[in-house]
Protein backbone atom coordinates (compact mmCIF):
# COMPACT_ATOMS: atom_id res chain seq x y z
CA MET A 1 5.65 -23.30 -7.94
CA THR A 2 2.05 -22.77 -9.06
CA PRO A 3 2.13 -21.16 -12.53
CA VAL A 4 -0.03 -18.24 -13.55
CA PRO A 5 -2.95 -19.81 -15.47
CA ALA A 6 -3.08 -19.89 -19.25
CA GLY A 7 -4.72 -16.85 -20.79
CA PHE A 8 -3.17 -14.30 -18.45
CA ARG A 9 -0.92 -11.66 -19.95
CA ILE A 10 1.69 -9.64 -18.11
CA ASP A 11 2.59 -5.96 -18.23
CA LEU A 12 6.13 -5.12 -17.21
CA ASP A 13 6.38 -2.61 -14.39
CA LYS A 14 7.48 0.81 -15.60
CA ASN A 15 10.74 0.50 -13.63
CA THR A 16 11.63 -2.94 -14.98
CA ARG A 17 14.39 -3.04 -17.58
CA GLN A 18 16.43 -5.68 -19.36
CA VAL A 19 20.05 -4.86 -18.54
CA ALA A 20 21.48 -7.59 -20.78
CA ASP A 21 20.35 -10.68 -22.64
CA GLY A 22 18.73 -12.86 -19.98
CA LEU A 23 19.16 -10.30 -17.18
CA VAL A 24 16.17 -8.36 -15.85
CA PHE A 25 16.33 -5.65 -13.18
CA GLY A 26 13.54 -4.09 -11.15
CA GLY A 27 10.87 -5.16 -8.71
CA SER A 28 10.13 -4.32 -5.11
CA PRO A 29 12.43 -4.87 -3.32
CA ALA A 30 14.88 -4.33 -6.19
CA ARG A 31 16.51 -7.43 -7.62
CA VAL A 32 18.27 -8.88 -10.64
CA VAL A 33 16.76 -11.99 -12.25
CA ARG A 34 18.93 -14.17 -14.49
CA LEU A 35 16.99 -16.26 -17.02
CA THR A 36 18.02 -19.69 -18.25
CA ALA A 37 17.65 -20.67 -21.90
CA ALA A 38 14.17 -22.01 -21.08
CA GLY A 39 13.43 -18.80 -19.20
CA ARG A 40 14.39 -16.72 -22.24
CA ALA A 41 12.02 -18.74 -24.39
CA ALA A 42 9.28 -18.18 -21.83
CA TRP A 43 10.14 -14.46 -21.80
CA ARG A 44 9.59 -14.33 -25.56
CA GLU A 45 6.29 -16.16 -25.11
CA LEU A 46 5.08 -13.59 -22.59
CA ALA A 47 6.31 -10.69 -24.70
CA GLY A 48 4.23 -11.92 -27.62
CA GLY A 49 0.98 -12.75 -25.91
CA PRO A 50 -0.69 -14.61 -23.04
CA VAL A 51 0.57 -17.56 -21.03
CA THR A 52 0.30 -20.70 -23.16
CA SER A 53 2.83 -23.05 -21.55
CA HIS A 54 3.81 -24.29 -18.11
CA ALA A 55 7.20 -22.54 -18.41
CA GLY A 56 5.50 -19.29 -19.38
CA GLY A 57 3.17 -19.57 -16.41
CA VAL A 58 6.04 -20.22 -14.00
CA LEU A 59 8.03 -17.25 -15.30
CA ALA A 60 4.93 -15.06 -15.13
CA ARG A 61 4.54 -16.10 -11.49
CA ARG A 62 8.14 -15.22 -10.66
CA LEU A 63 7.92 -11.87 -12.39
CA THR A 64 4.60 -10.88 -10.82
CA ASP A 65 5.60 -12.12 -7.37
CA ALA A 66 8.74 -9.97 -7.53
CA GLY A 67 6.93 -6.86 -8.75
CA LEU A 68 8.78 -6.94 -12.07
CA ALA A 69 5.48 -7.36 -13.91
CA HIS A 70 1.76 -7.29 -13.25
CA PRO A 71 -0.86 -9.82 -14.39
CA VAL A 72 -3.63 -8.94 -16.81
CA PRO A 73 -6.44 -11.50 -16.51
CA PRO A 74 -8.43 -12.73 -19.51
CA GLU A 75 -11.96 -11.53 -20.03
CA PRO A 76 -14.25 -13.87 -18.04
CA ASP A 77 -16.75 -16.01 -19.93
CA THR A 78 -19.49 -15.58 -17.33
CA PRO A 79 -20.38 -12.84 -14.81
CA ALA A 80 -18.72 -13.16 -11.42
CA GLU A 81 -20.71 -14.58 -8.55
CA VAL A 82 -20.01 -12.08 -5.80
CA THR A 83 -21.91 -10.65 -2.83
CA ILE A 84 -21.48 -6.95 -2.03
CA VAL A 85 -21.12 -6.34 1.71
CA VAL A 86 -21.60 -2.83 3.13
CA PRO A 87 -20.88 -2.40 6.86
CA VAL A 88 -22.46 0.76 8.26
CA ARG A 89 -22.97 2.61 11.51
CA ASP A 90 -25.32 5.58 11.21
CA ARG A 91 -24.53 7.82 8.18
CA ALA A 92 -27.75 6.90 6.37
CA GLU A 93 -27.19 9.65 3.79
CA LEU A 94 -23.79 8.26 2.81
CA LEU A 95 -25.22 4.74 2.72
CA THR A 96 -27.82 5.99 0.22
CA ARG A 97 -25.08 7.30 -2.08
CA CYS A 98 -23.10 4.08 -1.73
CA LEU A 99 -26.00 1.78 -2.60
CA ALA A 100 -27.10 4.06 -5.44
CA GLY A 101 -23.63 3.62 -6.97
CA LEU A 102 -24.01 -0.16 -7.22
CA ASP A 103 -25.15 -1.52 -10.56
CA GLY A 104 -27.63 -4.11 -9.25
CA ARG A 105 -25.81 -7.05 -10.82
CA HIS A 106 -24.99 -8.67 -7.51
CA PRO A 107 -26.76 -9.31 -4.20
CA VAL A 108 -26.08 -6.67 -1.55
CA LEU A 109 -25.85 -7.26 2.18
CA VAL A 110 -25.91 -4.29 4.57
CA VAL A 111 -24.61 -4.95 8.08
CA ASP A 112 -25.92 -2.37 10.57
CA ASP A 113 -23.25 -2.28 13.26
CA GLY A 114 -25.28 -0.84 16.13
CA SER A 115 -26.61 2.35 14.52
CA ALA A 116 -28.38 4.79 16.82
CA ASP A 117 -31.27 5.01 14.33
CA PRO A 118 -31.66 1.49 12.92
CA ALA A 119 -34.95 2.40 11.22
CA ALA A 120 -33.17 4.91 8.96
CA ILE A 121 -30.61 2.30 7.90
CA ALA A 122 -33.33 -0.29 7.33
CA ALA A 123 -35.29 2.14 5.15
CA VAL A 124 -32.28 2.86 2.94
CA ALA A 125 -31.48 -0.84 2.57
CA ALA A 126 -35.09 -1.64 1.65
CA THR A 127 -35.24 1.18 -0.90
CA HIS A 128 -32.26 -0.28 -2.75
CA GLY A 129 -33.26 -3.92 -2.44
CA ALA A 130 -30.43 -4.85 -0.08
CA LYS A 131 -30.63 -7.57 2.55
CA LEU A 132 -30.10 -6.22 6.08
CA VAL A 133 -28.39 -7.84 9.06
CA ARG A 134 -28.56 -5.96 12.36
CA ARG A 135 -25.91 -6.07 15.09
CA ASP A 136 -27.38 -4.73 18.32
CA VAL A 137 -23.97 -3.91 19.79
CA ASN A 138 -21.35 -2.02 17.84
CA GLY A 139 -18.28 -4.18 17.29
CA GLY A 140 -16.31 -2.17 14.75
CA PRO A 141 -15.70 -2.71 11.03
CA GLY A 142 -13.90 -6.03 11.45
CA ALA A 143 -16.66 -7.56 13.52
CA ALA A 144 -19.31 -6.28 11.10
CA ARG A 145 -17.53 -7.85 8.13
CA ASN A 146 -17.15 -11.13 10.01
CA THR A 147 -20.89 -11.10 10.70
CA ALA A 148 -21.49 -10.67 6.98
CA LEU A 149 -19.42 -13.76 6.15
CA ASP A 150 -21.93 -15.89 8.06
CA HIS A 151 -24.63 -14.75 5.62
CA VAL A 152 -22.69 -15.00 2.34
CA SER A 153 -22.82 -18.07 0.10
CA THR A 154 -20.91 -16.89 -2.97
CA ASP A 155 -17.24 -17.73 -3.44
CA LEU A 156 -16.33 -14.05 -3.68
CA VAL A 157 -17.26 -11.22 -1.36
CA ALA A 158 -16.81 -7.53 -2.17
CA PHE A 159 -16.48 -5.25 0.85
CA VAL A 160 -17.25 -1.58 0.34
CA ASP A 161 -17.60 0.94 3.15
CA SER A 162 -20.75 3.02 3.41
CA ASP A 163 -18.79 6.25 2.82
CA CYS A 164 -17.61 4.98 -0.58
CA VAL A 165 -19.20 5.52 -3.98
CA PRO A 166 -18.41 2.60 -6.31
CA THR A 167 -17.83 3.00 -10.03
CA GLU A 168 -19.69 0.89 -12.57
CA GLY A 169 -18.46 -2.68 -12.87
CA TRP A 170 -15.77 -2.30 -10.20
CA ALA A 171 -16.41 -5.67 -8.53
CA ASP A 172 -16.56 -7.60 -11.82
CA ARG A 173 -13.31 -6.11 -13.09
CA LEU A 174 -11.51 -7.03 -9.88
CA ALA A 175 -13.14 -10.47 -9.78
CA ALA A 176 -11.44 -11.38 -13.08
CA HIS A 177 -8.15 -11.71 -11.17
CA PHE A 178 -9.52 -14.67 -9.21
CA ALA A 179 -8.99 -16.88 -12.27
CA ASP A 180 -5.57 -17.20 -10.61
CA PRO A 181 -6.12 -19.75 -7.80
CA LEU A 182 -3.49 -18.15 -5.54
CA VAL A 183 -5.21 -14.76 -5.45
CA ALA A 184 -6.98 -14.16 -2.15
CA ALA A 185 -7.86 -10.47 -2.41
CA VAL A 186 -7.82 -7.63 -4.94
CA ALA A 187 -8.17 -3.94 -4.13
CA PRO A 188 -9.04 -0.98 -6.38
CA ARG A 189 -7.67 2.52 -6.15
CA VAL A 190 -9.57 4.60 -3.58
CA ARG A 191 -9.94 8.17 -4.83
CA ALA A 192 -10.88 10.99 -2.47
CA LEU A 193 -14.19 12.84 -2.65
CA ALA A 194 -13.58 16.14 -0.87
CA PRO A 195 -14.77 19.77 -1.06
CA ASP A 196 -12.84 22.42 -2.97
CA THR A 197 -11.18 23.86 0.12
CA TRP A 198 -7.60 23.89 1.38
CA ALA A 199 -8.29 20.74 3.40
CA GLY A 200 -10.21 19.12 0.57
CA ARG A 201 -7.61 19.82 -2.11
CA TYR A 202 -4.85 18.48 0.14
CA THR A 203 -6.82 15.31 0.83
CA ARG A 204 -7.45 14.75 -2.87
CA ALA A 205 -3.71 15.02 -3.46
CA ALA A 206 -2.46 13.03 -0.48
CA SER A 207 -5.19 10.80 0.92
CA SER A 208 -3.70 7.94 2.93
CA LEU A 209 -6.24 5.60 1.32
CA ASP A 210 -5.06 6.42 -2.20
CA LEU A 211 -2.07 4.18 -2.97
CA GLY A 212 -1.25 5.66 -6.35
CA ASP A 213 -1.60 4.79 -10.01
CA ARG A 214 0.85 1.88 -10.30
CA PRO A 215 -0.34 -1.74 -9.96
CA ALA A 216 1.42 -3.96 -7.47
CA ARG A 217 1.52 -7.23 -5.62
CA VAL A 218 0.74 -6.27 -2.04
CA ALA A 219 3.25 -7.52 0.54
CA PRO A 220 5.13 -6.17 3.58
CA GLY A 221 8.40 -4.49 2.70
CA THR A 222 7.34 -3.66 -0.86
CA ARG A 223 6.19 -0.49 -2.58
CA VAL A 224 2.56 -1.28 -1.62
CA PRO A 225 2.75 -3.03 1.77
CA TYR A 226 -1.02 -3.12 2.45
CA VAL A 227 -4.40 -2.14 1.00
CA PRO A 228 -7.40 -0.72 2.86
CA THR A 229 -10.66 -2.63 2.99
CA ALA A 230 -12.66 0.50 2.25
CA ALA A 231 -13.10 -1.44 -1.00
CA LEU A 232 -11.83 -4.98 -1.46
CA VAL A 233 -12.90 -8.14 -3.28
CA ALA A 234 -11.79 -11.32 -1.52
CA ARG A 235 -12.10 -15.08 -1.75
CA ARG A 236 -14.42 -16.13 1.07
CA ALA A 237 -12.58 -19.41 1.70
CA ALA A 238 -9.25 -17.58 2.00
CA LEU A 239 -10.73 -15.22 4.59
CA ARG A 240 -12.06 -18.16 6.57
CA ASP A 241 -8.72 -19.98 6.43
CA ALA A 242 -6.91 -16.85 7.65
CA GLY A 243 -9.30 -16.37 10.57
CA ALA A 244 -11.14 -13.45 8.93
CA PHE A 245 -10.87 -10.01 10.56
CA ASP A 246 -9.56 -9.56 14.10
CA PRO A 247 -12.50 -7.95 15.97
CA ALA A 248 -10.10 -6.70 18.65
CA LEU A 249 -8.70 -4.19 16.14
CA ARG A 250 -10.93 -1.16 15.63
CA VAL A 251 -8.29 0.41 13.36
CA GLY A 252 -5.77 -1.41 11.20
CA GLU A 253 -7.84 -4.58 10.94
CA ASP A 254 -7.44 -4.45 7.16
CA VAL A 255 -3.63 -4.28 7.34
CA ASP A 256 -3.57 -7.18 9.79
CA LEU A 257 -5.74 -9.31 7.49
CA VAL A 258 -3.63 -8.57 4.41
CA TRP A 259 -0.43 -9.50 6.22
CA ARG A 260 -1.93 -12.75 7.51
CA LEU A 261 -3.08 -13.65 4.02
CA HIS A 262 0.42 -12.94 2.71
CA ALA A 263 2.01 -15.04 5.48
CA ALA A 264 -0.27 -17.92 4.43
CA GLY A 265 1.20 -17.80 0.93
CA ARG A 266 -1.76 -16.11 -0.75
CA VAL A 267 -1.53 -13.34 -3.35
CA ILE A 268 -3.05 -9.90 -2.80
CA ARG A 269 -3.12 -7.49 -5.71
CA TYR A 270 -3.60 -3.74 -6.07
CA VAL A 271 -5.34 -2.77 -9.34
CA PRO A 272 -5.45 1.04 -9.66
CA ASP A 273 -7.18 1.18 -13.04
CA VAL A 274 -10.36 0.27 -11.12
CA HIS A 275 -11.59 3.17 -8.97
CA VAL A 276 -13.85 3.55 -5.96
CA HIS A 277 -14.49 7.02 -4.55
CA HIS A 278 -14.35 7.75 -0.82
CA HIS A 279 -15.95 10.63 1.10
CA GLU A 280 -13.23 12.41 3.07
CA PRO A 281 -13.59 14.62 6.16
CA ALA A 282 -14.41 18.19 5.21
CA THR A 283 -12.40 19.91 7.98
CA TRP A 284 -8.84 19.86 9.25
CA LYS A 285 -10.13 18.58 12.59
CA GLY A 286 -11.66 15.58 10.86
CA ILE A 287 -8.64 14.92 8.64
CA LEU A 288 -6.03 15.15 11.39
CA GLY A 289 -8.21 13.27 13.87
CA ARG A 290 -8.52 10.39 11.44
CA ARG A 291 -4.77 10.34 10.82
CA ALA A 292 -4.16 10.19 14.57
CA ARG A 293 -6.60 7.27 14.84
CA TYR A 294 -4.77 5.46 12.05
CA GLY A 295 -1.55 6.01 13.96
CA THR A 296 -2.89 4.23 17.03
CA SER A 297 -3.02 0.99 15.01
CA ALA A 298 0.77 0.85 14.62
CA ALA A 299 1.46 -0.57 18.09
CA PRO A 300 -1.00 -3.50 18.01
CA LEU A 301 0.08 -4.27 14.45
CA ALA A 302 3.74 -4.24 15.47
CA LEU A 303 3.02 -6.67 18.30
CA ARG A 304 1.19 -9.01 15.90
CA HIS A 305 3.68 -8.64 13.03
CA PRO A 306 7.03 -7.71 14.60
CA ASP A 307 9.14 -8.44 11.51
CA VAL A 308 7.34 -6.18 9.02
CA MET A 309 6.48 -3.01 10.90
CA ALA A 310 9.65 -0.87 10.71
CA PRO A 311 8.77 2.81 10.07
CA LEU A 312 12.19 3.45 8.49
CA VAL A 313 14.50 1.00 6.72
CA LEU A 314 18.14 2.10 6.50
CA HIS A 315 20.95 0.70 4.37
CA PRO A 316 24.40 1.39 5.88
CA TRP A 317 26.15 3.30 3.09
CA PRO A 318 23.28 5.61 2.08
CA ALA A 319 22.50 6.24 5.76
CA LEU A 320 26.13 7.19 6.44
CA THR A 321 26.15 9.47 3.39
CA VAL A 322 23.02 11.27 4.54
CA GLY A 323 24.22 11.52 8.14
CA ALA A 324 27.56 12.95 7.12
CA SER A 325 25.92 15.46 4.76
CA LEU A 326 23.54 16.68 7.46
CA ALA A 327 26.45 16.98 9.88
CA ARG A 328 28.31 19.09 7.31
CA ARG A 329 31.11 16.56 6.82
CA PRO A 330 31.44 16.65 3.03
CA LEU A 331 34.60 14.52 2.89
CA LEU A 332 33.02 11.75 4.96
CA ALA A 333 29.84 11.99 2.86
CA ALA A 334 31.88 11.67 -0.34
CA LEU A 335 33.81 8.70 1.04
CA ALA A 336 30.57 7.00 2.12
CA PHE A 337 28.99 7.57 -1.29
CA GLY A 338 32.11 6.31 -3.00
CA GLY A 339 32.04 3.25 -0.77
CA SER A 340 28.42 2.57 -1.69
CA VAL A 341 29.17 2.85 -5.41
CA GLY A 342 32.29 0.71 -5.14
CA GLY A 343 30.54 -1.95 -3.08
CA MET A 344 27.65 -2.18 -5.52
CA VAL A 345 30.00 -2.38 -8.53
CA ARG A 346 31.90 -5.25 -6.91
CA THR A 347 28.67 -7.05 -6.07
CA LEU A 348 27.33 -6.70 -9.61
CA ARG A 349 30.56 -7.85 -11.22
CA ALA A 350 30.73 -10.83 -8.89
CA HIS A 351 27.37 -11.91 -10.36
CA ASP A 352 28.34 -11.04 -13.96
CA VAL A 353 25.88 -8.16 -14.08
CA PRO A 354 26.70 -4.94 -15.99
CA ALA A 355 27.46 -2.05 -13.64
CA ASP A 356 26.06 0.69 -15.86
CA GLY A 357 23.98 3.26 -14.00
CA VAL A 358 25.30 2.40 -10.52
CA VAL A 359 26.14 6.01 -9.63
CA ARG A 360 22.64 7.16 -10.49
CA ALA A 361 21.08 4.24 -8.63
CA MET A 362 23.07 4.92 -5.46
CA ALA A 363 22.31 8.64 -5.69
CA THR A 364 18.63 7.69 -5.79
CA ALA A 365 19.15 5.49 -2.73
CA VAL A 366 20.74 8.41 -0.87
CA HIS A 367 17.89 10.70 -1.90
CA GLN A 368 15.27 8.21 -0.74
CA THR A 369 17.12 7.75 2.56
CA TRP A 370 17.15 11.51 3.12
CA LEU A 371 13.41 11.71 2.42
CA GLY A 372 12.73 8.73 4.69
CA CYS A 373 14.77 10.24 7.52
CA GLY A 374 12.98 13.55 7.11
CA ARG A 375 9.53 12.07 7.30
CA TYR A 376 10.53 9.79 10.18
CA GLY A 377 11.89 12.77 12.10
CA THR A 378 8.75 14.82 11.45
CA GLN A 379 6.41 12.04 12.55
CA PHE A 380 8.23 10.82 15.61
CA ALA A 381 10.76 13.45 16.70
CA ALA A 382 9.38 16.80 15.57
CA PRO A 383 10.01 18.58 18.91
CA LEU A 384 13.65 17.51 18.75
CA LEU A 385 14.02 18.76 15.18
CA VAL A 386 12.41 22.09 16.03
CA SER A 387 14.69 22.50 19.06
CA LEU A 388 17.68 22.10 16.77
CA LEU A 389 16.54 25.14 14.80
CA VAL A 390 16.97 27.39 17.83
CA PRO A 391 20.78 27.37 18.30
CA ARG A 392 22.82 29.66 16.14
CA GLY A 393 24.35 28.36 12.97
CA TRP A 394 22.73 28.48 9.56
CA GLY A 395 24.32 25.19 8.56
CA ARG A 396 22.49 23.28 11.27
CA ARG A 397 19.26 25.15 10.60
CA ALA A 398 19.50 24.36 6.89
CA ALA A 399 20.09 20.68 7.61
CA VAL A 400 17.11 20.45 9.95
CA ALA A 401 14.91 22.50 7.62
CA SER A 402 15.77 20.10 4.79
CA LEU A 403 14.47 17.20 6.88
CA LEU A 404 11.23 18.99 7.73
CA LEU A 405 10.55 20.55 4.33
CA GLY A 406 12.25 18.16 1.94
CA PRO A 407 9.66 15.34 1.87
CA PRO A 408 6.55 17.51 1.36
CA LEU A 409 8.24 19.77 -1.20
CA THR A 410 9.49 16.74 -3.12
CA ALA A 411 5.96 15.30 -3.12
CA TRP A 412 4.58 18.64 -4.30
CA VAL A 413 7.05 18.82 -7.21
CA ARG A 414 6.18 15.28 -8.29
CA SER A 415 2.40 15.57 -8.12
CA ARG A 416 1.78 19.30 -8.65
CA PRO A 417 -1.52 19.19 -6.74
CA GLY A 418 -4.08 21.99 -6.79
CA LEU A 419 -2.36 23.74 -3.90
CA ASP A 420 0.57 26.13 -3.70
CA PRO A 421 3.75 24.65 -2.15
CA VAL A 422 3.44 26.61 1.10
CA ARG A 423 -0.03 25.36 1.99
CA TYR A 424 0.72 21.85 0.76
CA THR A 425 3.89 21.68 2.88
CA ALA A 426 2.12 22.99 5.97
CA ALA A 427 -0.67 20.46 5.49
CA ALA A 428 1.74 17.56 4.96
CA ILE A 429 3.70 18.40 8.11
CA ALA A 430 0.47 18.64 10.13
CA ASP A 431 -0.60 15.29 8.62
CA ASP A 432 2.65 13.62 9.70
CA LEU A 433 2.50 15.18 13.16
CA ALA A 434 -1.03 13.89 13.69
CA TYR A 435 -0.10 10.39 12.58
CA GLY A 436 3.02 10.39 14.77
CA ALA A 437 1.00 11.54 17.78
CA GLY A 438 -1.33 8.60 17.24
CA VAL A 439 1.60 6.19 16.99
CA TRP A 440 3.11 7.47 20.23
CA ALA A 441 -0.27 7.22 21.95
CA GLY A 442 -0.53 3.60 20.83
CA CYS A 443 3.00 2.93 22.05
CA LEU A 444 2.09 4.22 25.50
CA THR A 445 -1.12 2.19 25.60
CA HIS A 446 0.56 -1.05 24.55
CA ARG A 447 3.90 -0.37 26.26
CA THR A 448 6.09 -0.90 23.23
CA ILE A 449 8.43 1.19 21.07
CA ALA A 450 8.40 -1.29 18.18
CA PRO A 451 6.42 1.03 15.85
CA VAL A 452 9.10 3.75 16.08
CA ARG A 453 12.18 1.53 15.92
CA PRO A 454 14.08 1.76 12.58
CA ALA A 455 15.41 -1.34 10.85
CA PHE A 456 18.87 -1.74 9.30
CA VAL A 457 19.31 -3.84 6.17
CA ARG A 458 22.72 -4.79 4.85
CA ARG A 459 21.95 -5.89 1.28
CA PRO A 460 20.07 -3.36 -0.88
CA LEU A 461 19.77 -5.64 -3.94
CA ARG A 462 18.68 -9.25 -4.37
CA PHE A 463 19.90 -11.70 -6.99
CA ASP A 464 17.70 -14.50 -8.26
CA PRO A 465 20.08 -16.89 -10.04
CA LYS A 466 18.52 -18.76 -12.95
CA GLY A 467 15.21 -17.10 -12.24
CA LYS A 468 14.90 -18.72 -8.82
CA ARG A 469 14.12 -16.80 -5.68
């Protein structure tokens, strides 16, 4: 295993906890790591400062790979050598704002991807001292970025879309992570720029490009399964080795690239303390139309990556508990929940792990399953859910209403956005409906139901004996 280089520190994830001496729980997916005597010494090293030994570097790698901790790179000795690449098609005004937000420390390459008014794009690029490459035929964002790679000589390339406004030093702060030789790409947090309207306030609270305020290793099946390339710093050689962007994908080309980099054994990181702002659509038509377009990428992505594209992952006991509760079978729900608790206690004891907090953990699993089922039903089976509200019976109506309203109301309680719960809930349901419509449209085009097929997983917790995966 390649260790994290000397000089890196680690920050434990906020959900990571030491359940006993030498036992660490957390990560994404959740797991228990058991440390050897050498691992405990390395743990103390990392708790007291940066990586200084091979053992400390190896443990740091295991912890950061599992999502139990996040790397903090040392301050670089010299400025990063990085080229800023801005693909653009029309939108000269937004390009002006984007280039004005750059600090001038790095060369900038603008790729005009078949704009209707190339003179306007050329004038903006010249005003800000950017090199310009013109594509006569529009090929989409992936093709434009690939064109840029043919004109870049630096080891690092920073992609930023023309509708983004970078913050000062964003590329340099992300570039520090490339002191780790396994890192292929690092993404900042993308914050929404939107007007102070109902649509704008919802987008600021729930933009699909904003992946939250917690750092993460990016990998399929984890808390952060992908990052957008609206803003991304990448190692040019890693992009070349992975085949760069797939020009056949007009939407979802960034997700496809991230998953191919991950499959090649490279590390992709999400660093939310670095921000880039993104202009959002100002109207509901624009917002919902974009969500539908994003949805159309699910089918081609599922065909390219069939093992990582499940829209809903179900564990047997929590799924049975939720199903029985919705069907108003309280005894069966209680038995299923008891079975989940009992099964987890037996599993933990078999691995000599304390079973404290199992009831709360399994209740959380049931809650997350209920939310997942609700959002899945809204996105992909909303007409069926609505039809179930029609028959008489308040019990059934309450169950269906909980699936429709539960996820957005839970999100509202957690984030308390600048919207009342009624308007936020209505917007979130419309958002999910638009995305689901796009997914179904892609399924019809590509003749597959893979993007709407749930996955069933038997083991909800992983054990890494002696710190090994």
